[in-house]
Amino acid sequence: RRSATRMLYLHVGQAGNEVGSAFWRLAASEGPPAGRVFDEKGRCRAVFVDTEPKVIHGVAAAIGTSRVHPQCMLAEQSGRG
């Protein structure tokens, strides 16, 4: 019996989210969602973290908001500047 492997991709900071955005756009364009990359609803198996909400929302817009679960976009500005 083969066990299913689950992966989660974590993208942190502006650079991490920019790389993540490019990765997910490419993954989405390559055909049907793969089980290791996307969940059963076609959403990214990823968490996006940044202190700037604009960065996170830009990633979601680039990938497609239906591909990112709202609870997987973490943005917090407390403690800044």
PDB file of N, CA and C in Angstrom:
ATOM      1  N   ARG A   1       0.832  -1.176   0.000  1.00  0.00           N
ATOM      2  CA  ARG A   1       0.000   0.000   0.000  1.00  0.00           C
ATOM      3  C   ARG A   1       0.881   1.245   0.000  1.00  0.00           C
ATOM      4  N   ARG A   2       0.585   2.154  -0.886  1.00  0.00           N
ATOM      5  CA  ARG A   2       1.380   3.364  -1.022  1.00  0.00           C
ATOM      6  C   ARG A   2       0.756   4.507  -0.231  1.00  0.00           C
ATOM      7  N   SER A   3       1.558   5.198   0.558  1.00  0.00           N
ATOM      8  CA  SER A   3       1.027   6.328   1.318  1.00  0.00           C
ATOM      9  C   SER A   3       1.147   7.608   0.506  1.00  0.00           C
ATOM     10  N   ALA A   4       0.189   8.485   0.684  1.00  0.00           N
ATOM     11  CA  ALA A   4       0.193   9.757  -0.036  1.00  0.00           C
ATOM     12  C   ALA A   4       1.144  10.729   0.655  1.00  0.00           C
ATOM     13  N   THR A   5       1.952  11.383  -0.133  1.00  0.00           N
ATOM     14  CA  THR A   5       2.865  12.391   0.395  1.00  0.00           C
ATOM     15  C   THR A   5       2.226  13.755   0.197  1.00  0.00           C
ATOM     16  N   ARG A   6       2.181  14.534   1.235  1.00  0.00           N
ATOM     17  CA  ARG A   6       1.629  15.887   1.163  1.00  0.00           C
ATOM     18  C   ARG A   6       2.757  16.884   1.344  1.00  0.00           C
ATOM     19  N   MET A   7       2.735  17.901   0.521  1.00  0.00           N
ATOM     20  CA  MET A   7       3.758  18.935   0.607  1.00  0.00           C
ATOM     21  C   MET A   7       3.077  20.269   0.857  1.00  0.00           C
ATOM     22  N   LEU A   8       3.793  21.160   1.515  1.00  0.00           N
ATOM     23  CA  LEU A   8       3.330  22.513   1.734  1.00  0.00           C
ATOM     24  C   LEU A   8       4.486  23.442   1.383  1.00  0.00           C
ATOM     25  N   TYR A   9       4.201  24.431   0.586  1.00  0.00           N
ATOM     26  CA  TYR A   9       5.215  25.396   0.179  1.00  0.00           C
ATOM     27  C   TYR A   9       5.026  26.653   1.016  1.00  0.00           C
ATOM     28  N   LEU A  10       6.114  27.176   1.563  1.00  0.00           N
ATOM     29  CA  LEU A  10       6.075  28.366   2.408  1.00  0.00           C
ATOM     30  C   LEU A  10       6.871  29.468   1.724  1.00  0.00           C
ATOM     31  N   HIS A  11       6.210  30.607   1.494  1.00  0.00           N
ATOM     32  CA  HIS A  11       6.857  31.751   0.845  1.00  0.00           C
ATOM     33  C   HIS A  11       6.833  32.917   1.824  1.00  0.00           C
ATOM     34  N   VAL A  12       8.022  33.425   2.176  1.00  0.00           N
ATOM     35  CA  VAL A  12       8.136  34.467   3.197  1.00  0.00           C
ATOM     36  C   VAL A  12       8.867  35.673   2.632  1.00  0.00           C
ATOM     37  N   GLY A  13       8.328  36.863   2.902  1.00  0.00           N
ATOM     38  CA  GLY A  13       8.960  38.111   2.484  1.00  0.00           C
ATOM     39  C   GLY A  13       8.691  38.424   1.022  1.00  0.00           C
ATOM     40  N   GLN A  14       9.075  39.615   0.626  1.00  0.00           N
ATOM     41  CA  GLN A  14       8.799  40.052  -0.738  1.00  0.00           C
ATOM     42  C   GLN A  14       9.479  39.163  -1.776  1.00  0.00           C
ATOM     43  N   ALA A  15      10.755  38.872  -1.582  1.00  0.00           N
ATOM     44  CA  ALA A  15      11.472  38.038  -2.554  1.00  0.00           C
ATOM     45  C   ALA A  15      10.889  36.629  -2.594  1.00  0.00           C
ATOM     46  N   GLY A  16      10.623  36.043  -1.431  1.00  0.00           N
ATOM     47  CA  GLY A  16      10.041  34.703  -1.388  1.00  0.00           C
ATOM     48  C   GLY A  16       8.687  34.650  -2.063  1.00  0.00           C
ATOM     49  N   ASN A  17       7.889  35.693  -1.883  1.00  0.00           N
ATOM     50  CA  ASN A  17       6.574  35.734  -2.507  1.00  0.00           C
ATOM     51  C   ASN A  17       6.645  35.994  -4.004  1.00  0.00           C
ATOM     52  N   GLU A  18       7.634  36.756  -4.440  1.00  0.00           N
ATOM     53  CA  GLU A  18       7.805  36.966  -5.887  1.00  0.00           C
ATOM     54  C   GLU A  18       8.220  35.666  -6.577  1.00  0.00           C
ATOM     55  N   VAL A  19       9.135  34.940  -5.969  1.00  0.00           N
ATOM     56  CA  VAL A  19       9.539  33.635  -6.519  1.00  0.00           C
ATOM     57  C   VAL A  19       8.346  32.683  -6.489  1.00  0.00           C
ATOM     58  N   GLY A  20       7.616  32.685  -5.372  1.00  0.00           N
ATOM     59  CA  GLY A  20       6.432  31.837  -5.246  1.00  0.00           C
ATOM     60  C   GLY A  20       5.384  32.157  -6.293  1.00  0.00           C
ATOM     61  N   SER A  21       5.174  33.425  -6.540  1.00  0.00           N
ATOM     62  CA  SER A  21       4.201  33.845  -7.549  1.00  0.00           C
ATOM     63  C   SER A  21       4.568  33.303  -8.931  1.00  0.00           C
ATOM     64  N   ALA A  22       5.843  33.417  -9.292  1.00  0.00           N
ATOM     65  CA  ALA A  22       6.301  32.890 -10.586  1.00  0.00           C
ATOM     66  C   ALA A  22       6.144  31.373 -10.639  1.00  0.00           C
ATOM     67  N   PHE A  23       6.484  30.689  -9.549  1.00  0.00           N
ATOM     68  CA  PHE A  23       6.363  29.232  -9.500  1.00  0.00           C
ATOM     69  C   PHE A  23       4.909  28.797  -9.687  1.00  0.00           C
ATOM     70  N   TRP A  24       3.980  29.434  -8.961  1.00  0.00           N
ATOM     71  CA  TRP A  24       2.580  29.015  -9.025  1.00  0.00           C
ATOM     72  C   TRP A  24       1.938  29.366 -10.355  1.00  0.00           C
ATOM     73  N   ARG A  25       2.329  30.482 -10.965  1.00  0.00           N
ATOM     74  CA  ARG A  25       1.806  30.795 -12.307  1.00  0.00           C
ATOM     75  C   ARG A  25       2.247  29.729 -13.295  1.00  0.00           C
ATOM     76  N   LEU A  26       3.512  29.319 -13.214  1.00  0.00           N
ATOM     77  CA  LEU A  26       4.026  28.279 -14.102  1.00  0.00           C
ATOM     78  C   LEU A  26       3.331  26.950 -13.835  1.00  0.00           C
ATOM     79  N   ALA A  27       3.189  26.584 -12.581  1.00  0.00           N
ATOM     80  CA  ALA A  27       2.535  25.314 -12.229  1.00  0.00           C
ATOM     81  C   ALA A  27       1.100  25.293 -12.726  1.00  0.00           C
ATOM     82  N   ALA A  28       0.386  26.412 -12.607  1.00  0.00           N
ATOM     83  CA  ALA A  28      -1.007  26.478 -13.047  1.00  0.00           C
ATOM     84  C   ALA A  28      -1.129  26.406 -14.566  1.00  0.00           C
ATOM     85  N   SER A  29      -0.126  26.914 -15.265  1.00  0.00           N
ATOM     86  CA  SER A  29      -0.191  26.932 -16.731  1.00  0.00           C
ATOM     87  C   SER A  29       0.200  25.603 -17.366  1.00  0.00           C
ATOM     88  N   GLU A  30       0.767  24.694 -16.582  1.00  0.00           N
ATOM     89  CA  GLU A  30       1.278  23.450 -17.135  1.00  0.00           C
ATOM     90  C   GLU A  30       0.246  22.340 -17.257  1.00  0.00           C
ATOM     91  N   GLY A  31      -1.006  22.644 -17.049  1.00  0.00           N
ATOM     92  CA  GLY A  31      -2.031  21.620 -17.232  1.00  0.00           C
ATOM     93  C   GLY A  31      -2.830  21.366 -15.972  1.00  0.00           C
ATOM     94  N   PRO A  32      -3.436  20.193 -15.895  1.00  0.00           N
ATOM     95  CA  PRO A  32      -4.295  19.887 -14.753  1.00  0.00           C
ATOM     96  C   PRO A  32      -3.518  19.945 -13.441  1.00  0.00           C
ATOM     97  N   PRO A  33      -4.166  20.425 -12.392  1.00  0.00           N
ATOM     98  CA  PRO A  33      -3.484  20.518 -11.100  1.00  0.00           C
ATOM     99  C   PRO A  33      -2.985  19.160 -10.613  1.00  0.00           C
ATOM    100  N   ALA A  34      -1.760  19.129 -10.187  1.00  0.00           N
ATOM    101  CA  ALA A  34      -1.157  17.898  -9.661  1.00  0.00           C
ATOM    102  C   ALA A  34      -1.452  17.795  -8.170  1.00  0.00           C
ATOM    103  N   GLY A  35      -1.642  16.576  -7.673  1.00  0.00           N
ATOM    104  CA  GLY A  35      -1.988  16.348  -6.279  1.00  0.00           C
ATOM    105  C   GLY A  35      -0.967  16.864  -5.286  1.00  0.00           C
ATOM    106  N   ARG A  36       0.281  16.866  -5.645  1.00  0.00           N
ATOM    107  CA  ARG A  36       1.307  17.337  -4.706  1.00  0.00           C
ATOM    108  C   ARG A  36       1.442  18.843  -4.691  1.00  0.00           C
ATOM    109  N   VAL A  37       1.003  19.498  -5.745  1.00  0.00           N
ATOM    110  CA  VAL A  37       1.178  20.944  -5.861  1.00  0.00           C
ATOM    111  C   VAL A  37      -0.117  21.684  -5.524  1.00  0.00           C
ATOM    112  N   PHE A  38      -1.248  21.161  -5.975  1.00  0.00           N
ATOM    113  CA  PHE A  38      -2.544  21.773  -5.725  1.00  0.00           C
ATOM    114  C   PHE A  38      -3.429  20.803  -4.946  1.00  0.00           C
ATOM    115  N   ASP A  39      -4.352  21.344  -4.160  1.00  0.00           N
ATOM    116  CA  ASP A  39      -5.280  20.479  -3.435  1.00  0.00           C
ATOM    117  C   ASP A  39      -6.398  20.014  -4.369  1.00  0.00           C
ATOM    118  N   GLU A  40      -7.354  19.284  -3.825  1.00  0.00           N
ATOM    119  CA  GLU A  40      -8.428  18.737  -4.646  1.00  0.00           C
ATOM    120  C   GLU A  40      -9.332  19.804  -5.246  1.00  0.00           C
ATOM    121  N   LYS A  41      -9.292  21.015  -4.727  1.00  0.00           N
ATOM    122  CA  LYS A  41     -10.085  22.127  -5.270  1.00  0.00           C
ATOM    123  C   LYS A  41      -9.273  22.996  -6.218  1.00  0.00           C
ATOM    124  N   GLY A  42      -8.036  22.599  -6.506  1.00  0.00           N
ATOM    125  CA  GLY A  42      -7.188  23.347  -7.418  1.00  0.00           C
ATOM    126  C   GLY A  42      -6.481  24.526  -6.783  1.00  0.00           C
ATOM    127  N   ARG A  43      -6.455  24.577  -5.448  1.00  0.00           N
ATOM    128  CA  ARG A  43      -5.772  25.674  -4.748  1.00  0.00           C
ATOM    129  C   ARG A  43      -4.338  25.279  -4.426  1.00  0.00           C
ATOM    130  N   CYS A  44      -3.472  26.282  -4.399  1.00  0.00           N
ATOM    131  CA  CYS A  44      -2.053  26.073  -4.098  1.00  0.00           C
ATOM    132  C   CYS A  44      -1.887  25.465  -2.713  1.00  0.00           C
ATOM    133  N   ARG A  45      -0.983  24.507  -2.605  1.00  0.00           N
ATOM    134  CA  ARG A  45      -0.605  23.977  -1.290  1.00  0.00           C
ATOM    135  C   ARG A  45       0.519  24.863  -0.767  1.00  0.00           C
ATOM    136  N   ALA A  46       0.152  26.098  -0.414  1.00  0.00           N
ATOM    137  CA  ALA A  46       1.168  27.074  -0.031  1.00  0.00           C
ATOM    138  C   ALA A  46       0.631  28.043   1.012  1.00  0.00           C
ATOM    139  N   VAL A  47       1.567  28.603   1.772  1.00  0.00           N
ATOM    140  CA  VAL A  47       1.279  29.688   2.699  1.00  0.00           C
ATOM    141  C   VAL A  47       2.177  30.851   2.298  1.00  0.00           C
ATOM    142  N   PHE A  48       1.578  32.030   2.167  1.00  0.00           N
ATOM    143  CA  PHE A  48       2.291  33.232   1.779  1.00  0.00           C
ATOM    144  C   PHE A  48       2.325  34.175   2.976  1.00  0.00           C
ATOM    145  N   VAL A  49       3.531  34.619   3.385  1.00  0.00           N
ATOM    146  CA  VAL A  49       3.700  35.444   4.584  1.00  0.00           C
ATOM    147  C   VAL A  49       4.480  36.708   4.227  1.00  0.00           C
ATOM    148  N   ASP A  50       3.964  37.862   4.668  1.00  0.00           N
ATOM    149  CA  ASP A  50       4.680  39.123   4.466  1.00  0.00           C
ATOM    150  C   ASP A  50       4.139  40.157   5.436  1.00  0.00           C
ATOM    151  N   THR A  51       4.915  41.200   5.676  1.00  0.00           N
ATOM    152  CA  THR A  51       4.443  42.289   6.522  1.00  0.00           C
ATOM    153  C   THR A  51       3.626  43.298   5.728  1.00  0.00           C
ATOM    154  N   GLU A  52       3.670  43.209   4.416  1.00  0.00           N
ATOM    155  CA  GLU A  52       2.932  44.116   3.543  1.00  0.00           C
ATOM    156  C   GLU A  52       1.746  43.391   2.908  1.00  0.00           C
ATOM    157  N   PRO A  53       0.519  43.741   3.271  1.00  0.00           N
ATOM    158  CA  PRO A  53      -0.648  43.111   2.648  1.00  0.00           C
ATOM    159  C   PRO A  53      -0.659  43.265   1.125  1.00  0.00           C
ATOM    160  N   LYS A  54      -0.103  44.379   0.633  1.00  0.00           N
ATOM    161  CA  LYS A  54      -0.083  44.630  -0.811  1.00  0.00           C
ATOM    162  C   LYS A  54       0.684  43.534  -1.550  1.00  0.00           C
ATOM    163  N   VAL A  55       1.772  43.054  -0.966  1.00  0.00           N
ATOM    164  CA  VAL A  55       2.573  41.992  -1.589  1.00  0.00           C
ATOM    165  C   VAL A  55       1.753  40.709  -1.684  1.00  0.00           C
ATOM    166  N   ILE A  56       1.106  40.339  -0.596  1.00  0.00           N
ATOM    167  CA  ILE A  56       0.312  39.115  -0.552  1.00  0.00           C
ATOM    168  C   ILE A  56      -0.846  39.174  -1.542  1.00  0.00           C
ATOM    169  N   HIS A  57      -1.540  40.319  -1.566  1.00  0.00           N
ATOM    170  CA  HIS A  57      -2.672  40.453  -2.478  1.00  0.00           C
ATOM    171  C   HIS A  57      -2.218  40.479  -3.936  1.00  0.00           C
ATOM    172  N   GLY A  58      -1.022  41.005  -4.183  1.00  0.00           N
ATOM    173  CA  GLY A  58      -0.466  40.976  -5.530  1.00  0.00           C
ATOM    174  C   GLY A  58      -0.173  39.560  -5.996  1.00  0.00           C
ATOM    175  N   VAL A  59       0.319  38.737  -5.096  1.00  0.00           N
ATOM    176  CA  VAL A  59       0.577  37.330  -5.417  1.00  0.00           C
ATOM    177  C   VAL A  59      -0.728  36.634  -5.749  1.00  0.00           C
ATOM    178  N   ALA A  60      -1.741  36.838  -4.913  1.00  0.00           N
ATOM    179  CA  ALA A  60      -3.043  36.204  -5.143  1.00  0.00           C
ATOM    180  C   ALA A  60      -3.642  36.648  -6.477  1.00  0.00           C
ATOM    181  N   ALA A  61      -3.497  37.926  -6.802  1.00  0.00           N
ATOM    182  CA  ALA A  61      -4.016  38.429  -8.074  1.00  0.00           C
ATOM    183  C   ALA A  61      -3.264  37.816  -9.253  1.00  0.00           C
ATOM    184  N   ALA A  62      -1.956  37.641  -9.117  1.00  0.00           N
ATOM    185  CA  ALA A  62      -1.150  37.074 -10.206  1.00  0.00           C
ATOM    186  C   ALA A  62      -1.467  35.598 -10.439  1.00  0.00           C
ATOM    187  N   ILE A  63      -1.688  34.871  -9.355  1.00  0.00           N
ATOM    188  CA  ILE A  63      -1.975  33.436  -9.459  1.00  0.00           C
ATOM    189  C   ILE A  63      -3.430  33.200  -9.823  1.00  0.00           C
ATOM    190  N   GLY A  64      -4.279  34.027  -9.277  1.00  0.00           N
ATOM    191  CA  GLY A  64      -5.730  33.853  -9.395  1.00  0.00           C
ATOM    192  C   GLY A  64      -6.277  33.621  -8.004  1.00  0.00           C
ATOM    193  N   THR A  65      -7.167  34.492  -7.562  1.00  0.00           N
ATOM    194  CA  THR A  65      -7.644  34.416  -6.180  1.00  0.00           C
ATOM    195  C   THR A  65      -8.325  33.091  -5.860  1.00  0.00           C
ATOM    196  N   SER A  66      -8.867  32.420  -6.848  1.00  0.00           N
ATOM    197  CA  SER A  66      -9.508  31.123  -6.596  1.00  0.00           C
ATOM    198  C   SER A  66      -8.473  30.031  -6.319  1.00  0.00           C
ATOM    199  N   ARG A  67      -7.216  30.280  -6.625  1.00  0.00           N
ATOM    200  CA  ARG A  67      -6.146  29.300  -6.401  1.00  0.00           C
ATOM    201  C   ARG A  67      -5.470  29.435  -5.040  1.00  0.00           C
ATOM    202  N   VAL A  68      -5.839  30.463  -4.264  1.00  0.00           N
ATOM    203  CA  VAL A  68      -5.219  30.682  -2.957  1.00  0.00           C
ATOM    204  C   VAL A  68      -6.312  30.717  -1.884  1.00  0.00           C
ATOM    205  N   HIS A  69      -6.190  29.852  -0.899  1.00  0.00           N
ATOM    206  CA  HIS A  69      -7.144  29.860   0.218  1.00  0.00           C
ATOM    207  C   HIS A  69      -6.890  31.112   1.050  1.00  0.00           C
ATOM    208  N   PRO A  70      -7.952  31.854   1.426  1.00  0.00           N
ATOM    209  CA  PRO A  70      -7.760  33.101   2.177  1.00  0.00           C
ATOM    210  C   PRO A  70      -6.979  32.927   3.482  1.00  0.00           C
ATOM    211  N   GLN A  71      -7.097  31.786   4.134  1.00  0.00           N
ATOM    212  CA  GLN A  71      -6.371  31.567   5.380  1.00  0.00           C
ATOM    213  C   GLN A  71      -4.896  31.285   5.161  1.00  0.00           C
ATOM    214  N   CYS A  72      -4.476  31.164   3.918  1.00  0.00           N
ATOM    215  CA  CYS A  72      -3.064  30.896   3.606  1.00  0.00           C
ATOM    216  C   CYS A  72      -2.317  32.149   3.178  1.00  0.00           C
ATOM    217  N   MET A  73      -2.960  33.311   3.324  1.00  0.00           N
ATOM    218  CA  MET A  73      -2.325  34.599   3.021  1.00  0.00           C
ATOM    219  C   MET A  73      -2.194  35.349   4.337  1.00  0.00           C
ATOM    220  N   LEU A  74      -0.998  35.377   4.884  1.00  0.00           N
ATOM    221  CA  LEU A  74      -0.758  35.980   6.193  1.00  0.00           C
ATOM    222  C   LEU A  74       0.028  37.279   6.042  1.00  0.00           C
ATOM    223  N   ALA A  75      -0.612  38.385   6.413  1.00  0.00           N
ATOM    224  CA  ALA A  75       0.039  39.694   6.332  1.00  0.00           C
ATOM    225  C   ALA A  75      -0.225  40.431   7.635  1.00  0.00           C
ATOM    226  N   GLU A  76       0.809  40.967   8.218  1.00  0.00           N
ATOM    227  CA  GLU A  76       0.680  41.685   9.486  1.00  0.00           C
ATOM    228  C   GLU A  76       1.609  42.882   9.468  1.00  0.00           C
ATOM    229  N   GLN A  77       1.087  44.056   9.783  1.00  0.00           N
ATOM    230  CA  GLN A  77       1.903  45.255   9.766  1.00  0.00           C
ATOM    231  C   GLN A  77       2.310  45.715  11.155  1.00  0.00           C
ATOM    232  N   SER A  78       1.894  45.055  12.193  1.00  0.00           N
ATOM    233  CA  SER A  78       2.223  45.530  13.533  1.00  0.00           C
ATOM    234  C   SER A  78       3.725  45.556  13.762  1.00  0.00           C
ATOM    235  N   GLY A  79       4.186  46.566  14.475  1.00  0.00           N
ATOM    236  CA  GLY A  79       5.596  46.676  14.793  1.00  0.00           C
ATOM    237  C   GLY A  79       6.437  47.339  13.731  1.00  0.00           C
ATOM    238  N   ARG A  80       5.815  47.788  12.655  1.00  0.00           N
ATOM    239  CA  ARG A  80       6.577  48.444  11.589  1.00  0.00           C
ATOM    240  C   ARG A  80       6.689  49.918  11.845  1.00  0.00           C
ATOM    241  N   GLY A  81       7.778  50.487  11.409  1.00  0.00           N
ATOM    242  CA  GLY A  81       8.091  51.819  11.325  1.00  0.00           C
ATOM    243  C   GLY A  81       7.681  52.907  12.111  1.00  0.00           C
TER     244      GLY A  81
END
